[in-house]
ModelCIF file with pLDDT and N, C-alpha, C, O atoms, coordinates in Angstrom:
data_MODEL
#
_entry.id   MODEL 
#
_entity.id                         1 
_entity.type                       polymer 
_entity.pdbx_number_of_molecules   1 
#
_entity_poly.entity_id                      1 
_entity_poly.type                           'polypeptide(L)' 
_entity_poly.nstd_linkage                   no 
_entity_poly.nstd_monomer                   no 
_entity_poly.pdbx_seq_one_letter_code       QEVLSGLIELHCFAGGYAGLTLQEDGRANLCL 
_entity_poly.pdbx_seq_one_letter_code_can   QEVLSGLIELHCFAGGYAGLTLQEDGRANLCL 
_entity_poly.pdbx_strand_id                 A 
#
loop_
_entity_poly_seq.entity_id 
_entity_poly_seq.num 
_entity_poly_seq.mon_id 
_entity_poly_seq.hetero 
1 1  GLN n 
1 2  GLU n 
1 3  VAL n 
1 4  LEU n 
1 5  SER n 
1 6  GLY n 
1 7  LEU n 
1 8  ILE n 
1 9  GLU n 
1 10 LEU n 
1 11 HIS n 
1 12 CYS n 
1 13 PHE n 
1 14 ALA n 
1 15 GLY n 
1 16 GLY n 
1 17 TYR n 
1 18 ALA n 
1 19 GLY n 
1 20 LEU n 
1 21 THR n 
1 22 LEU n 
1 23 GLN n 
1 24 GLU n 
1 25 ASP n 
1 26 GLY n 
1 27 ARG n 
1 28 ALA n 
1 29 ASN n 
1 30 LEU n 
1 31 CYS n 
1 32 LEU n 
#
_struct_asym.id          A 
_struct_asym.entity_id   1 
#
loop_
_ma_qa_metric.id 
_ma_qa_metric.mode 
_ma_qa_metric.name 
_ma_qa_metric.software_group_id 
_ma_qa_metric.type 
1 global pLDDT . pLDDT 
2 local  pLDDT . pLDDT 
#
_ma_qa_metric_global.metric_id      1 
_ma_qa_metric_global.metric_value   96.47 
_ma_qa_metric_global.model_id       1 
_ma_qa_metric_global.ordinal_id     1 
#
loop_
_ma_qa_metric_local.label_asym_id 
_ma_qa_metric_local.label_comp_id 
_ma_qa_metric_local.label_seq_id 
_ma_qa_metric_local.metric_id 
_ma_qa_metric_local.metric_value 
_ma_qa_metric_local.model_id 
_ma_qa_metric_local.ordinal_id 
A GLN 1  2 97.00 1 1  
A GLU 2  2 97.00 1 2  
A VAL 3  2 97.00 1 3  
A LEU 4  2 97.00 1 4  
A SER 5  2 97.00 1 5  
A GLY 6  2 97.00 1 6  
A LEU 7  2 97.00 1 7  
A ILE 8  2 97.00 1 8  
A GLU 9  2 97.00 1 9  
A LEU 10 2 97.00 1 10 
A HIS 11 2 98.00 1 11 
A CYS 12 2 97.00 1 12 
A PHE 13 2 97.00 1 13 
A ALA 14 2 96.00 1 14 
A GLY 15 2 96.00 1 15 
A GLY 16 2 97.00 1 16 
A TYR 17 2 97.00 1 17 
A ALA 18 2 97.00 1 18 
A GLY 19 2 97.00 1 19 
A LEU 20 2 97.00 1 20 
A THR 21 2 97.00 1 21 
A LEU 22 2 97.00 1 22 
A GLN 23 2 96.00 1 23 
A GLU 24 2 96.00 1 24 
A ASP 25 2 93.00 1 25 
A GLY 26 2 93.00 1 26 
A ARG 27 2 95.00 1 27 
A ALA 28 2 96.00 1 28 
A ASN 29 2 96.00 1 29 
A LEU 30 2 97.00 1 30 
A CYS 31 2 96.00 1 31 
A LEU 32 2 96.00 1 32 
#
loop_
_atom_site.group_PDB 
_atom_site.id 
_atom_site.type_symbol 
_atom_site.label_atom_id 
_atom_site.label_alt_id 
_atom_site.label_comp_id 
_atom_site.label_asym_id 
_atom_site.label_entity_id 
_atom_site.label_seq_id 
_atom_site.pdbx_PDB_ins_code 
_atom_site.Cartn_x 
_atom_site.Cartn_y 
_atom_site.Cartn_z 
_atom_site.occupancy 
_atom_site.B_iso_or_equiv 
_atom_site.pdbx_formal_charge 
_atom_site.auth_seq_id 
_atom_site.auth_comp_id 
_atom_site.auth_asym_id 
_atom_site.auth_atom_id 
_atom_site.pdbx_PDB_model_num 
ATOM 1   N N  . GLN A 1 1  ? -7.125  0.389   -8.412  1.00 97.00 ? 1  GLN A N  1 
ATOM 2   C CA . GLN A 1 1  ? -6.587  -1.232  -8.380  1.00 97.00 ? 1  GLN A CA 1 
ATOM 3   C C  . GLN A 1 1  ? -5.895  -1.596  -8.827  1.00 97.00 ? 1  GLN A C  1 
ATOM 4   O O  . GLN A 1 1  ? -4.995  -2.227  -8.275  1.00 97.00 ? 1  GLN A O  1 
ATOM 5   N N  . GLU A 1 2  ? -6.006  -1.286  -10.558 1.00 97.00 ? 2  GLU A N  1 
ATOM 6   C CA . GLU A 1 2  ? -5.106  -2.112  -11.447 1.00 97.00 ? 2  GLU A CA 1 
ATOM 7   C C  . GLU A 1 2  ? -3.982  -1.247  -11.382 1.00 97.00 ? 2  GLU A C  1 
ATOM 8   O O  . GLU A 1 2  ? -2.981  -1.833  -11.795 1.00 97.00 ? 2  GLU A O  1 
ATOM 9   N N  . VAL A 1 3  ? -3.752  -0.049  -11.014 1.00 97.00 ? 3  VAL A N  1 
ATOM 10  C CA . VAL A 1 3  ? -2.482  0.578   -10.861 1.00 97.00 ? 3  VAL A CA 1 
ATOM 11  C C  . VAL A 1 3  ? -1.499  -0.453  -9.765  1.00 97.00 ? 3  VAL A C  1 
ATOM 12  O O  . VAL A 1 3  ? -0.360  -0.876  -9.961  1.00 97.00 ? 3  VAL A O  1 
ATOM 13  N N  . LEU A 1 4  ? -2.286  -0.637  -8.724  1.00 97.00 ? 4  LEU A N  1 
ATOM 14  C CA . LEU A 1 4  ? -1.846  -1.385  -7.530  1.00 97.00 ? 4  LEU A CA 1 
ATOM 15  C C  . LEU A 1 4  ? -1.783  -2.697  -7.820  1.00 97.00 ? 4  LEU A C  1 
ATOM 16  O O  . LEU A 1 4  ? -1.244  -3.305  -6.895  1.00 97.00 ? 4  LEU A O  1 
ATOM 17  N N  . SER A 1 5  ? -2.113  -3.406  -8.731  1.00 97.00 ? 5  SER A N  1 
ATOM 18  C CA . SER A 1 5  ? -2.178  -4.785  -8.716  1.00 97.00 ? 5  SER A CA 1 
ATOM 19  C C  . SER A 1 5  ? -0.639  -5.258  -9.219  1.00 97.00 ? 5  SER A C  1 
ATOM 20  O O  . SER A 1 5  ? 0.109   -4.790  -10.077 1.00 97.00 ? 5  SER A O  1 
ATOM 21  N N  . GLY A 1 6  ? -0.517  -6.327  -8.351  1.00 97.00 ? 6  GLY A N  1 
ATOM 22  C CA . GLY A 1 6  ? 0.539   -6.991  -8.066  1.00 97.00 ? 6  GLY A CA 1 
ATOM 23  C C  . GLY A 1 6  ? 1.971   -6.376  -7.141  1.00 97.00 ? 6  GLY A C  1 
ATOM 24  O O  . GLY A 1 6  ? 3.028   -6.925  -6.827  1.00 97.00 ? 6  GLY A O  1 
ATOM 25  N N  . LEU A 1 7  ? 1.525   -5.240  -6.940  1.00 97.00 ? 7  LEU A N  1 
ATOM 26  C CA . LEU A 1 7  ? 2.366   -4.223  -6.039  1.00 97.00 ? 7  LEU A CA 1 
ATOM 27  C C  . LEU A 1 7  ? 2.516   -4.156  -4.539  1.00 97.00 ? 7  LEU A C  1 
ATOM 28  O O  . LEU A 1 7  ? 1.374   -4.147  -4.079  1.00 97.00 ? 7  LEU A O  1 
ATOM 29  N N  . ILE A 1 8  ? 3.417   -4.104  -3.556  1.00 97.00 ? 8  ILE A N  1 
ATOM 30  C CA . ILE A 1 8  ? 3.630   -3.591  -2.825  1.00 97.00 ? 8  ILE A CA 1 
ATOM 31  C C  . ILE A 1 8  ? 4.357   -1.932  -2.668  1.00 97.00 ? 8  ILE A C  1 
ATOM 32  O O  . ILE A 1 8  ? 5.473   -1.686  -3.126  1.00 97.00 ? 8  ILE A O  1 
ATOM 33  N N  . GLU A 1 9  ? 3.517   -0.904  -1.953  1.00 97.00 ? 9  GLU A N  1 
ATOM 34  C CA . GLU A 1 9  ? 4.316   0.323   -2.241  1.00 97.00 ? 9  GLU A CA 1 
ATOM 35  C C  . GLU A 1 9  ? 4.748   0.493   -0.537  1.00 97.00 ? 9  GLU A C  1 
ATOM 36  O O  . GLU A 1 9  ? 4.264   0.115   0.530   1.00 97.00 ? 9  GLU A O  1 
ATOM 37  N N  . LEU A 1 10 ? 5.966   1.304   -0.983  1.00 97.00 ? 10 LEU A N  1 
ATOM 38  C CA . LEU A 1 10 ? 6.500   1.883   0.584   1.00 97.00 ? 10 LEU A CA 1 
ATOM 39  C C  . LEU A 1 10 ? 6.482   3.643   0.270   1.00 97.00 ? 10 LEU A C  1 
ATOM 40  O O  . LEU A 1 10 ? 6.756   4.166   -0.810  1.00 97.00 ? 10 LEU A O  1 
ATOM 41  N N  . HIS A 1 11 ? 6.167   4.197   1.263   1.00 98.00 ? 11 HIS A N  1 
ATOM 42  C CA . HIS A 1 11 ? 6.109   5.544   0.856   1.00 98.00 ? 11 HIS A CA 1 
ATOM 43  C C  . HIS A 1 11 ? 6.955   6.312   2.385   1.00 98.00 ? 11 HIS A C  1 
ATOM 44  O O  . HIS A 1 11 ? 6.422   6.190   3.488   1.00 98.00 ? 11 HIS A O  1 
ATOM 45  N N  . CYS A 1 12 ? 8.110   6.969   2.235   1.00 97.00 ? 12 CYS A N  1 
ATOM 46  C CA . CYS A 1 12 ? 8.560   7.230   3.122   1.00 97.00 ? 12 CYS A CA 1 
ATOM 47  C C  . CYS A 1 12 ? 8.454   8.921   3.485   1.00 97.00 ? 12 CYS A C  1 
ATOM 48  O O  . CYS A 1 12 ? 8.409   9.771   2.596   1.00 97.00 ? 12 CYS A O  1 
ATOM 49  N N  . PHE A 1 13 ? 8.429   9.172   4.633   1.00 97.00 ? 13 PHE A N  1 
ATOM 50  C CA . PHE A 1 13 ? 8.263   10.463  5.051   1.00 97.00 ? 13 PHE A CA 1 
ATOM 51  C C  . PHE A 1 13 ? 9.147   11.133  6.287   1.00 97.00 ? 13 PHE A C  1 
ATOM 52  O O  . PHE A 1 13 ? 10.158  10.474  6.532   1.00 97.00 ? 13 PHE A O  1 
ATOM 53  N N  . ALA A 1 14 ? 9.001   12.109  6.972   1.00 96.00 ? 14 ALA A N  1 
ATOM 54  C CA . ALA A 1 14 ? 9.732   12.539  8.013   1.00 96.00 ? 14 ALA A CA 1 
ATOM 55  C C  . ALA A 1 14 ? 8.979   11.798  9.096   1.00 96.00 ? 14 ALA A C  1 
ATOM 56  O O  . ALA A 1 14 ? 7.754   11.872  9.194   1.00 96.00 ? 14 ALA A O  1 
ATOM 57  N N  . GLY A 1 15 ? 9.800   11.025  9.969   1.00 96.00 ? 15 GLY A N  1 
ATOM 58  C CA . GLY A 1 15 ? 9.280   10.337  11.001  1.00 96.00 ? 15 GLY A CA 1 
ATOM 59  C C  . GLY A 1 15 ? 8.738   8.998   11.006  1.00 96.00 ? 15 GLY A C  1 
ATOM 60  O O  . GLY A 1 15 ? 8.507   8.399   12.057  1.00 96.00 ? 15 GLY A O  1 
ATOM 61  N N  . GLY A 1 16 ? 8.543   8.545   9.932   1.00 97.00 ? 16 GLY A N  1 
ATOM 62  C CA . GLY A 1 16 ? 7.713   7.367   9.374   1.00 97.00 ? 16 GLY A CA 1 
ATOM 63  C C  . GLY A 1 16 ? 7.715   6.815   7.957   1.00 97.00 ? 16 GLY A C  1 
ATOM 64  O O  . GLY A 1 16 ? 8.468   7.162   7.047   1.00 97.00 ? 16 GLY A O  1 
ATOM 65  N N  . TYR A 1 17 ? 6.787   5.936   7.918   1.00 97.00 ? 17 TYR A N  1 
ATOM 66  C CA . TYR A 1 17 ? 6.598   5.079   6.295   1.00 97.00 ? 17 TYR A CA 1 
ATOM 67  C C  . TYR A 1 17 ? 5.506   4.525   6.468   1.00 97.00 ? 17 TYR A C  1 
ATOM 68  O O  . TYR A 1 17 ? 5.084   4.162   7.566   1.00 97.00 ? 17 TYR A O  1 
ATOM 69  N N  . ALA A 1 18 ? 4.769   4.364   5.107   1.00 97.00 ? 18 ALA A N  1 
ATOM 70  C CA . ALA A 1 18 ? 3.806   3.875   4.979   1.00 97.00 ? 18 ALA A CA 1 
ATOM 71  C C  . ALA A 1 18 ? 3.661   2.679   3.746   1.00 97.00 ? 18 ALA A C  1 
ATOM 72  O O  . ALA A 1 18 ? 3.953   2.881   2.568   1.00 97.00 ? 18 ALA A O  1 
ATOM 73  N N  . GLY A 1 19 ? 3.172   1.471   4.273   1.00 97.00 ? 19 GLY A N  1 
ATOM 74  C CA . GLY A 1 19 ? 3.084   0.720   2.919   1.00 97.00 ? 19 GLY A CA 1 
ATOM 75  C C  . GLY A 1 19 ? 1.767   0.205   2.748   1.00 97.00 ? 19 GLY A C  1 
ATOM 76  O O  . GLY A 1 19 ? 0.909   0.059   3.619   1.00 97.00 ? 19 GLY A O  1 
ATOM 77  N N  . LEU A 1 20 ? 1.674   -0.155  1.065   1.00 97.00 ? 20 LEU A N  1 
ATOM 78  C CA . LEU A 1 20 ? 0.378   -0.006  0.776   1.00 97.00 ? 20 LEU A CA 1 
ATOM 79  C C  . LEU A 1 20 ? 0.110   -0.921  -0.199  1.00 97.00 ? 20 LEU A C  1 
ATOM 80  O O  . LEU A 1 20 ? 0.823   -0.915  -1.203  1.00 97.00 ? 20 LEU A O  1 
ATOM 81  N N  . THR A 1 21 ? -1.070  -1.961  -0.065  1.00 97.00 ? 21 THR A N  1 
ATOM 82  C CA . THR A 1 21 ? -1.246  -3.117  -1.145  1.00 97.00 ? 21 THR A CA 1 
ATOM 83  C C  . THR A 1 21 ? -2.604  -3.259  -0.996  1.00 97.00 ? 21 THR A C  1 
ATOM 84  O O  . THR A 1 21 ? -3.262  -2.707  -0.114  1.00 97.00 ? 21 THR A O  1 
ATOM 85  N N  . LEU A 1 22 ? -3.035  -3.996  -1.853  1.00 97.00 ? 22 LEU A N  1 
ATOM 86  C CA . LEU A 1 22 ? -4.340  -4.673  -2.422  1.00 97.00 ? 22 LEU A CA 1 
ATOM 87  C C  . LEU A 1 22 ? -4.327  -6.042  -1.287  1.00 97.00 ? 22 LEU A C  1 
ATOM 88  O O  . LEU A 1 22 ? -3.369  -6.721  -0.918  1.00 97.00 ? 22 LEU A O  1 
ATOM 89  N N  . GLN A 1 23 ? -5.813  -6.135  -0.909  1.00 96.00 ? 23 GLN A N  1 
ATOM 90  C CA . GLN A 1 23 ? -5.883  -7.438  -0.183  1.00 96.00 ? 23 GLN A CA 1 
ATOM 91  C C  . GLN A 1 23 ? -6.985  -8.177  -0.946  1.00 96.00 ? 23 GLN A C  1 
ATOM 92  O O  . GLN A 1 23 ? -7.381  -7.924  -2.084  1.00 96.00 ? 23 GLN A O  1 
ATOM 93  N N  . GLU A 1 24 ? -7.455  -9.244  -0.025  1.00 96.00 ? 24 GLU A N  1 
ATOM 94  C CA . GLU A 1 24 ? -8.450  -10.642 -1.180  1.00 96.00 ? 24 GLU A CA 1 
ATOM 95  C C  . GLU A 1 24 ? -9.585  -9.853  -1.638  1.00 96.00 ? 24 GLU A C  1 
ATOM 96  O O  . GLU A 1 24 ? -10.042 -10.144 -2.744  1.00 96.00 ? 24 GLU A O  1 
ATOM 97  N N  . ASP A 1 25 ? -10.238 -8.689  -0.826  1.00 93.00 ? 25 ASP A N  1 
ATOM 98  C CA . ASP A 1 25 ? -11.656 -8.286  -0.844  1.00 93.00 ? 25 ASP A CA 1 
ATOM 99  C C  . ASP A 1 25 ? -11.418 -6.904  -1.937  1.00 93.00 ? 25 ASP A C  1 
ATOM 100 O O  . ASP A 1 25 ? -12.326 -6.082  -2.057  1.00 93.00 ? 25 ASP A O  1 
ATOM 101 N N  . GLY A 1 26 ? -10.157 -6.757  -2.676  1.00 93.00 ? 26 GLY A N  1 
ATOM 102 C CA . GLY A 1 26 ? -10.187 -5.640  -3.389  1.00 93.00 ? 26 GLY A CA 1 
ATOM 103 C C  . GLY A 1 26 ? -9.893  -4.347  -2.540  1.00 93.00 ? 26 GLY A C  1 
ATOM 104 O O  . GLY A 1 26 ? -9.474  -3.396  -3.200  1.00 93.00 ? 26 GLY A O  1 
ATOM 105 N N  . ARG A 1 27 ? -10.042 -4.157  -1.200  1.00 95.00 ? 27 ARG A N  1 
ATOM 106 C CA . ARG A 1 27 ? -9.428  -3.170  -0.600  1.00 95.00 ? 27 ARG A CA 1 
ATOM 107 C C  . ARG A 1 27 ? -8.113  -2.695  -0.400  1.00 95.00 ? 27 ARG A C  1 
ATOM 108 O O  . ARG A 1 27 ? -7.430  -3.691  -0.636  1.00 95.00 ? 27 ARG A O  1 
ATOM 109 N N  . ALA A 1 28 ? -7.378  -1.807  -0.118  1.00 96.00 ? 28 ALA A N  1 
ATOM 110 C CA . ALA A 1 28 ? -6.124  -1.335  -0.085  1.00 96.00 ? 28 ALA A CA 1 
ATOM 111 C C  . ALA A 1 28 ? -6.139  -1.535  1.464   1.00 96.00 ? 28 ALA A C  1 
ATOM 112 O O  . ALA A 1 28 ? -7.029  -1.274  2.274   1.00 96.00 ? 28 ALA A O  1 
ATOM 113 N N  . ASN A 1 29 ? -4.870  -2.086  1.647   1.00 96.00 ? 29 ASN A N  1 
ATOM 114 C CA . ASN A 1 29 ? -4.395  -1.973  3.123   1.00 96.00 ? 29 ASN A CA 1 
ATOM 115 C C  . ASN A 1 29 ? -3.368  -0.973  3.598   1.00 96.00 ? 29 ASN A C  1 
ATOM 116 O O  . ASN A 1 29 ? -2.239  -1.449  3.718   1.00 96.00 ? 29 ASN A O  1 
ATOM 117 N N  . LEU A 1 30 ? -3.514  0.392   3.916   1.00 97.00 ? 30 LEU A N  1 
ATOM 118 C CA . LEU A 1 30 ? -2.419  1.269   3.975   1.00 97.00 ? 30 LEU A CA 1 
ATOM 119 C C  . LEU A 1 30 ? -2.164  0.907   5.810   1.00 97.00 ? 30 LEU A C  1 
ATOM 120 O O  . LEU A 1 30 ? -3.050  0.966   6.662   1.00 97.00 ? 30 LEU A O  1 
ATOM 121 N N  . CYS A 1 31 ? -1.156  0.652   5.971   1.00 96.00 ? 31 CYS A N  1 
ATOM 122 C CA . CYS A 1 31 ? -0.240  0.240   7.169   1.00 96.00 ? 31 CYS A CA 1 
ATOM 123 C C  . CYS A 1 31 ? 1.009   1.462   7.338   1.00 96.00 ? 31 CYS A C  1 
ATOM 124 O O  . CYS A 1 31 ? 1.928   1.729   6.563   1.00 96.00 ? 31 CYS A O  1 
ATOM 125 N N  . LEU A 1 32 ? 0.702   1.985   8.467   1.00 96.00 ? 32 LEU A N  1 
ATOM 126 C CA . LEU A 1 32 ? 1.692   3.150   8.716   1.00 96.00 ? 32 LEU A CA 1 
ATOM 127 C C  . LEU A 1 32 ? 2.336   2.822   9.961   1.00 96.00 ? 32 LEU A C  1 
ATOM 128 O O  . LEU A 1 32 ? 3.191   3.572   10.430  1.00 96.00 ? 32 LEU A O  1 
#
């Protein structure tokens, strides 16, 4: 959680991409 604090990440892969960021309850939201 500390690593991801203040960040939005975009991970690219063959045929798509995934976004990752922390939300208000402390869980990370991984959308692909």
